[in-house]
Amino acid sequence: MTMRRTLQRLHRSSDRGSVSVLVVLLTTTVLLITGLAVDVSGHVHALQQTRAVAREAARVGGQQLQAPTAMKGTGAVADPGQAVAATNAYLAASGVDGVARVTGPDSIHVDVTGSYQTRFLSVIGIGSLPVTGAADSRITRSVDGVEQ
């Protein structure tokens, strides 16, 4: 009879602590998934913001027209110097790095770069993730809502 009690006691004592290990593993897994979700969503938000800045900068550059042709109403042509200067000023005011260039008489292209500083991934050595954005702006002339 004592052998049976001893075996029962050994069996019960071998289960001790197994719940603790399970709780630690589950907690660690939940924290990792939460951290990954926070950093992935933050990175996506930073990408969206960078692309929005690129679009707005391209739009600002597209508003810089050569005055003589615009005033005569004969065409809408970008003033390359003013377009690049206005775009660069917008990028500087937004606090991002970027490059603007006039790609044709009626188009401006903007590339923006930046980075997202991670919150949880920095624990494993990933301190930042790159973000980029690009946008094009095309100048059009319209009369009564119809592009000319």
C-alpha atoms as a PDB file:
ATOM      1  CA  MET A   1       0.000   0.000   0.000  1.00  0.00           C
ATOM      2  CA  THR A   2       2.785   2.423   0.721  1.00  0.00           C
ATOM      3  CA  MET A   3       4.253   1.713  -2.694  1.00  0.00           C
ATOM      4  CA  ARG A   4       0.973   2.758  -4.266  1.00  0.00           C
ATOM      5  CA  ARG A   5       0.864   6.022  -2.284  1.00  0.00           C
ATOM      6  CA  THR A   6       4.447   6.755  -3.173  1.00  0.00           C
ATOM      7  CA  LEU A   7       3.707   6.253  -6.863  1.00  0.00           C
ATOM      8  CA  GLN A   8       0.650   8.499  -6.630  1.00  0.00           C
ATOM      9  CA  ARG A   9       2.672  11.207  -4.926  1.00  0.00           C
ATOM     10  CA  LEU A  10       5.418  10.972  -7.563  1.00  0.00           C
ATOM     11  CA  HIS A  11       2.851  11.166 -10.323  1.00  0.00           C
ATOM     12  CA  ARG A  12       1.264  14.308  -8.819  1.00  0.00           C
ATOM     13  CA  SER A  13       4.610  16.005  -8.234  1.00  0.00           C
ATOM     14  CA  SER A  14       5.711  15.447 -11.833  1.00  0.00           C
ATOM     15  CA  ASP A  15       2.807  17.645 -13.049  1.00  0.00           C
ATOM     16  CA  ARG A  16       3.778  20.549 -10.823  1.00  0.00           C
ATOM     17  CA  GLY A  17       5.029  23.558 -12.769  1.00  0.00           C
ATOM     18  CA  SER A  18       3.707  22.438 -16.146  1.00  0.00           C
ATOM     19  CA  VAL A  19       0.979  25.111 -16.056  1.00  0.00           C
ATOM     20  CA  SER A  20       3.587  27.753 -15.270  1.00  0.00           C
ATOM     21  CA  VAL A  21       5.620  26.792 -18.333  1.00  0.00           C
ATOM     22  CA  LEU A  22       2.491  26.906 -20.490  1.00  0.00           C
ATOM     23  CA  VAL A  23       1.551  30.361 -19.166  1.00  0.00           C
ATOM     24  CA  VAL A  24       5.041  31.697 -19.836  1.00  0.00           C
ATOM     25  CA  LEU A  25       5.029  30.326 -23.397  1.00  0.00           C
ATOM     26  CA  LEU A  26       1.556  31.678 -24.163  1.00  0.00           C
ATOM     27  CA  THR A  27       2.359  35.096 -22.681  1.00  0.00           C
ATOM     28  CA  THR A  28       5.563  35.324 -24.693  1.00  0.00           C
ATOM     29  CA  THR A  29       3.741  34.333 -27.881  1.00  0.00           C
ATOM     30  CA  VAL A  30       0.985  36.906 -27.325  1.00  0.00           C
ATOM     31  CA  LEU A  31       3.554  39.642 -26.654  1.00  0.00           C
ATOM     32  CA  LEU A  32       5.492  38.764 -29.813  1.00  0.00           C
ATOM     33  CA  ILE A  33       2.367  38.784 -31.962  1.00  0.00           C
ATOM     34  CA  THR A  34       1.198  42.073 -30.424  1.00  0.00           C
ATOM     35  CA  GLY A  35       4.615  43.656 -30.968  1.00  0.00           C
ATOM     36  CA  LEU A  36       4.715  42.481 -34.554  1.00  0.00           C
ATOM     37  CA  ALA A  37       1.212  43.847 -35.166  1.00  0.00           C
ATOM     38  CA  VAL A  38       2.149  47.231 -33.687  1.00  0.00           C
ATOM     39  CA  ASP A  39       5.288  47.564 -35.801  1.00  0.00           C
ATOM     40  CA  VAL A  40       3.693  46.303 -39.018  1.00  0.00           C
ATOM     41  CA  SER A  41       0.747  48.687 -38.664  1.00  0.00           C
ATOM     42  CA  GLY A  42       3.094  51.551 -37.765  1.00  0.00           C
ATOM     43  CA  HIS A  43       5.190  50.805 -40.849  1.00  0.00           C
ATOM     44  CA  VAL A  44       2.096  50.773 -43.074  1.00  0.00           C
ATOM     45  CA  HIS A  45       0.973  54.096 -41.594  1.00  0.00           C
ATOM     46  CA  ALA A  46       4.425  55.603 -42.208  1.00  0.00           C
ATOM     47  CA  LEU A  47       4.303  54.357 -45.828  1.00  0.00           C
ATOM     48  CA  GLN A  48       0.890  55.960 -46.340  1.00  0.00           C
ATOM     49  CA  GLN A  49       2.067  59.221 -44.839  1.00  0.00           C
ATOM     50  CA  THR A  50       5.219  59.267 -46.983  1.00  0.00           C
ATOM     51  CA  ARG A  51       3.185  58.651 -50.136  1.00  0.00           C
ATOM     52  CA  ALA A  52       0.740  61.405 -49.169  1.00  0.00           C
ATOM     53  CA  VAL A  53       3.617  63.870 -48.740  1.00  0.00           C
ATOM     54  CA  ALA A  54       4.982  62.841 -52.158  1.00  0.00           C
ATOM     55  CA  ARG A  55       1.566  63.426 -53.780  1.00  0.00           C
ATOM     56  CA  GLU A  56       1.159  66.832 -52.174  1.00  0.00           C
ATOM     57  CA  ALA A  57       4.696  67.872 -53.097  1.00  0.00           C
ATOM     58  CA  ALA A  58       4.099  66.849 -56.712  1.00  0.00           C
ATOM     59  CA  ARG A  59       0.847  68.809 -56.710  1.00  0.00           C
ATOM     60  CA  VAL A  60       2.640  71.917 -55.396  1.00  0.00           C
ATOM     61  CA  GLY A  61       5.257  71.579 -58.134  1.00  0.00           C
ATOM     62  CA  GLY A  62       2.539  71.159 -60.748  1.00  0.00           C
ATOM     63  CA  GLN A  63       1.064  74.517 -59.810  1.00  0.00           C
ATOM     64  CA  GLN A  64       4.208  76.359 -60.904  1.00  0.00           C
ATOM     65  CA  LEU A  65       3.498  77.336 -64.487  1.00  0.00           C
ATOM     66  CA  GLN A  66       5.325  79.400 -67.075  1.00  0.00           C
ATOM     67  CA  ALA A  67       3.490  82.700 -66.795  1.00  0.00           C
ATOM     68  CA  PRO A  68       3.425  83.830 -70.473  1.00  0.00           C
ATOM     69  CA  THR A  69       1.726  80.716 -71.870  1.00  0.00           C
ATOM     70  CA  ALA A  70      -0.579  80.365 -68.880  1.00  0.00           C
ATOM     71  CA  MET A  71      -1.753  83.982 -69.018  1.00  0.00           C
ATOM     72  CA  LYS A  72      -2.402  83.834 -72.751  1.00  0.00           C
ATOM     73  CA  GLY A  73      -4.397  80.663 -72.253  1.00  0.00           C
ATOM     74  CA  THR A  74      -2.437  78.859 -74.917  1.00  0.00           C
ATOM     75  CA  GLY A  75      -1.057  76.134 -72.701  1.00  0.00           C
ATOM     76  CA  ALA A  76      -0.139  74.943 -69.266  1.00  0.00           C
ATOM     77  CA  VAL A  77       3.587  74.276 -69.117  1.00  0.00           C
ATOM     78  CA  ALA A  78       5.649  73.786 -65.981  1.00  0.00           C
ATOM     79  CA  ASP A  79       8.298  76.286 -65.025  1.00  0.00           C
ATOM     80  CA  PRO A  80      11.083  73.796 -64.202  1.00  0.00           C
ATOM     81  CA  GLY A  81      13.037  76.014 -61.800  1.00  0.00           C
ATOM     82  CA  GLN A  82      10.006  77.159 -59.841  1.00  0.00           C
ATOM     83  CA  ALA A  83       8.446  73.691 -59.813  1.00  0.00           C
ATOM     84  CA  VAL A  84      11.529  72.042 -58.320  1.00  0.00           C
ATOM     85  CA  ALA A  85      12.052  74.898 -55.841  1.00  0.00           C
ATOM     86  CA  ALA A  86       8.419  74.814 -54.667  1.00  0.00           C
ATOM     87  CA  THR A  87       8.485  71.030 -54.340  1.00  0.00           C
ATOM     88  CA  ASN A  88      11.751  71.064 -52.389  1.00  0.00           C
ATOM     89  CA  ALA A  89      10.386  73.778 -50.095  1.00  0.00           C
ATOM     90  CA  TYR A  90       7.297  71.672 -49.422  1.00  0.00           C
ATOM     91  CA  LEU A  91       9.417  68.594 -48.679  1.00  0.00           C
ATOM     92  CA  ALA A  92      11.651  70.591 -46.319  1.00  0.00           C
ATOM     93  CA  ALA A  93       8.626  71.999 -44.495  1.00  0.00           C
ATOM     94  CA  SER A  94       7.253  68.466 -44.154  1.00  0.00           C
ATOM     95  CA  GLY A  95      10.529  67.276 -42.653  1.00  0.00           C
ATOM     96  CA  VAL A  96      11.202  64.495 -45.167  1.00  0.00           C
ATOM     97  CA  ASP A  97      13.984  63.793 -47.634  1.00  0.00           C
ATOM     98  CA  GLY A  98      13.054  63.785 -51.263  1.00  0.00           C
ATOM     99  CA  VAL A  99      13.987  64.590 -54.815  1.00  0.00           C
ATOM    100  CA  ALA A 100      11.852  66.430 -57.349  1.00  0.00           C
ATOM    101  CA  ARG A 101      12.359  66.666 -61.071  1.00  0.00           C
ATOM    102  CA  VAL A 102      10.410  67.950 -64.018  1.00  0.00           C
ATOM    103  CA  THR A 103      10.001  64.980 -66.355  1.00  0.00           C
ATOM    104  CA  GLY A 104       8.353  66.811 -69.240  1.00  0.00           C
ATOM    105  CA  PRO A 105       6.696  70.083 -70.135  1.00  0.00           C
ATOM    106  CA  ASP A 106       3.608  69.082 -68.197  1.00  0.00           C
ATOM    107  CA  SER A 107       4.781  66.575 -65.579  1.00  0.00           C
ATOM    108  CA  ILE A 108       6.649  66.530 -62.266  1.00  0.00           C
ATOM    109  CA  HIS A 109       7.952  63.454 -60.436  1.00  0.00           C
ATOM    110  CA  VAL A 110       8.755  63.309 -56.707  1.00  0.00           C
ATOM    111  CA  ASP A 111      10.554  60.564 -54.749  1.00  0.00           C
ATOM    112  CA  VAL A 112      10.419  60.658 -50.946  1.00  0.00           C
ATOM    113  CA  THR A 113      12.395  58.507 -48.496  1.00  0.00           C
ATOM    114  CA  GLY A 114      12.222  58.068 -44.760  1.00  0.00           C
ATOM    115  CA  SER A 115      12.192  55.482 -42.016  1.00  0.00           C
ATOM    116  CA  TYR A 116       9.871  54.107 -39.368  1.00  0.00           C
ATOM    117  CA  GLN A 117      11.414  53.690 -35.916  1.00  0.00           C
ATOM    118  CA  THR A 118      10.245  50.341 -34.590  1.00  0.00           C
ATOM    119  CA  ARG A 119       8.881  49.931 -31.082  1.00  0.00           C
ATOM    120  CA  PHE A 120       9.062  46.177 -30.502  1.00  0.00           C
ATOM    121  CA  LEU A 121      11.298  44.870 -33.288  1.00  0.00           C
ATOM    122  CA  SER A 122      14.177  46.912 -31.882  1.00  0.00           C
ATOM    123  CA  VAL A 123      14.406  44.256 -29.157  1.00  0.00           C
ATOM    124  CA  ILE A 124      15.675  41.799 -31.780  1.00  0.00           C
ATOM    125  CA  GLY A 125      17.938  44.336 -33.496  1.00  0.00           C
ATOM    126  CA  ILE A 126      15.625  45.869 -36.109  1.00  0.00           C
ATOM    127  CA  GLY A 127      15.644  49.539 -35.109  1.00  0.00           C
ATOM    128  CA  SER A 128      14.021  51.013 -38.196  1.00  0.00           C
ATOM    129  CA  LEU A 129      12.248  50.062 -41.400  1.00  0.00           C
ATOM    130  CA  PRO A 130      12.596  52.063 -44.640  1.00  0.00           C
ATOM    131  CA  VAL A 131       9.633  53.904 -46.128  1.00  0.00           C
ATOM    132  CA  THR A 132       9.473  55.365 -49.612  1.00  0.00           C
ATOM    133  CA  GLY A 133       6.901  57.189 -51.642  1.00  0.00           C
ATOM    134  CA  ALA A 134       6.695  58.411 -55.214  1.00  0.00           C
ATOM    135  CA  ALA A 135       4.194  60.549 -57.045  1.00  0.00           C
ATOM    136  CA  ASP A 136       3.684  62.160 -60.408  1.00  0.00           C
ATOM    137  CA  SER A 137       1.776  65.295 -61.186  1.00  0.00           C
ATOM    138  CA  ARG A 138       0.504  66.120 -64.651  1.00  0.00           C
ATOM    139  CA  ILE A 139      -0.465  69.644 -65.604  1.00  0.00           C
ATOM    140  CA  THR A 140      -3.605  69.890 -67.677  1.00  0.00           C
ATOM    141  CA  ARG A 141      -5.575  72.719 -69.161  1.00  0.00           C
ATOM    142  CA  SER A 142      -9.339  72.476 -69.182  1.00  0.00           C
ATOM    143  CA  VAL A 143     -12.110  74.650 -70.575  1.00  0.00           C
ATOM    144  CA  ASP A 144     -15.610  74.162 -69.178  1.00  0.00           C
ATOM    145  CA  GLY A 145     -14.443  70.998 -67.432  1.00  0.00           C
ATOM    146  CA  VAL A 146     -13.052  69.439 -70.621  1.00  0.00           C
ATOM    147  CA  GLU A 147      -9.328  68.792 -70.834  1.00  0.00           C
ATOM    148  CA  GLN A 148      -7.786  70.671 -73.770  1.00  0.00           C
END
